[in-house]
Protein backbone atom coordinates (compact mmCIF):
# COMPACT_ATOMS: atom_id res chain seq x y z
CA MET A 1 0.16 -0.04 0.12
CA LYS A 2 2.59 2.30 0.82
CA ASN A 3 4.25 1.57 -2.44
CA HIS A 4 1.04 2.85 -4.28
CA VAL A 5 0.86 6.06 -2.31
CA MET A 6 4.55 6.85 -3.25
CA LEU A 7 3.83 6.00 -6.96
CA LEU A 8 0.58 8.20 -7.02
CA LEU A 9 2.34 11.10 -5.30
CA SER A 10 5.43 11.25 -7.76
CA PHE A 11 3.16 10.87 -10.58
CA THR A 12 0.88 13.83 -9.29
CA ILE A 13 4.24 16.06 -8.73
CA ALA A 14 5.75 15.09 -12.15
CA THR A 15 2.24 16.09 -13.72
CA ILE A 16 2.01 19.28 -11.70
CA ILE A 17 5.55 20.21 -12.80
CA GLY A 18 4.74 19.19 -16.40
CA ILE A 19 1.53 21.56 -16.48
CA PHE A 20 3.04 24.55 -14.45
CA GLY A 21 6.61 24.19 -16.00
CA GLN A 22 6.31 27.68 -18.01
CA ASN A 23 5.46 29.37 -14.97
CA MET A 24 7.99 28.13 -12.93
CA ALA A 25 10.43 29.04 -15.33
CA TYR A 26 9.52 32.68 -15.42
CA PHE A 27 9.45 32.57 -11.68
CA LEU A 28 12.83 31.30 -11.46
CA ASN A 29 13.93 33.84 -13.96
CA GLU A 30 12.58 36.62 -11.95
CA ASN A 31 13.76 35.38 -8.52
CA PHE A 32 17.04 33.88 -9.52
CA PHE A 33 19.76 34.47 -12.12
CA GLU A 34 18.61 36.24 -15.21
CA VAL A 35 19.32 33.96 -18.07
CA ALA A 36 16.93 32.94 -20.66
CA PRO A 37 13.63 31.30 -19.41
CA ILE A 38 14.06 28.37 -21.91
CA PHE A 39 17.03 27.04 -19.73
CA TYR A 40 14.73 27.03 -16.56
CA LEU A 41 12.05 25.50 -18.75
CA ALA A 42 14.61 22.86 -19.88
CA VAL A 43 15.70 21.82 -16.29
CA VAL A 44 11.91 21.76 -15.10
CA THR A 45 10.78 19.79 -18.22
CA PHE A 46 13.75 17.33 -17.41
CA VAL A 47 12.78 16.88 -13.62
CA SER A 48 9.37 16.36 -14.90
CA ILE A 49 10.37 13.62 -17.55
CA SER A 50 12.93 12.06 -15.00
CA LEU A 51 10.06 11.79 -12.21
CA ASN A 52 8.00 9.86 -14.83
CA ILE A 53 10.66 7.66 -15.72
CA CYS A 54 11.53 6.95 -12.31
CA ILE A 55 8.13 5.59 -11.69
CA LEU A 56 8.02 3.20 -14.34
CA PHE A 57 10.88 1.47 -12.72
């Protein structure tokens, strides 16, 4: 049962990161280093995809 909860939690977090990735990228750009937001978007997208891949294994 605990494994199912962790699986569902990871999937939910990965989905939220994927949906709101652009907003997160702009937030990071405004509040941290000012680089092109596409770099932050790439990092956020990578994290989202990585979490989804980790769920499969």
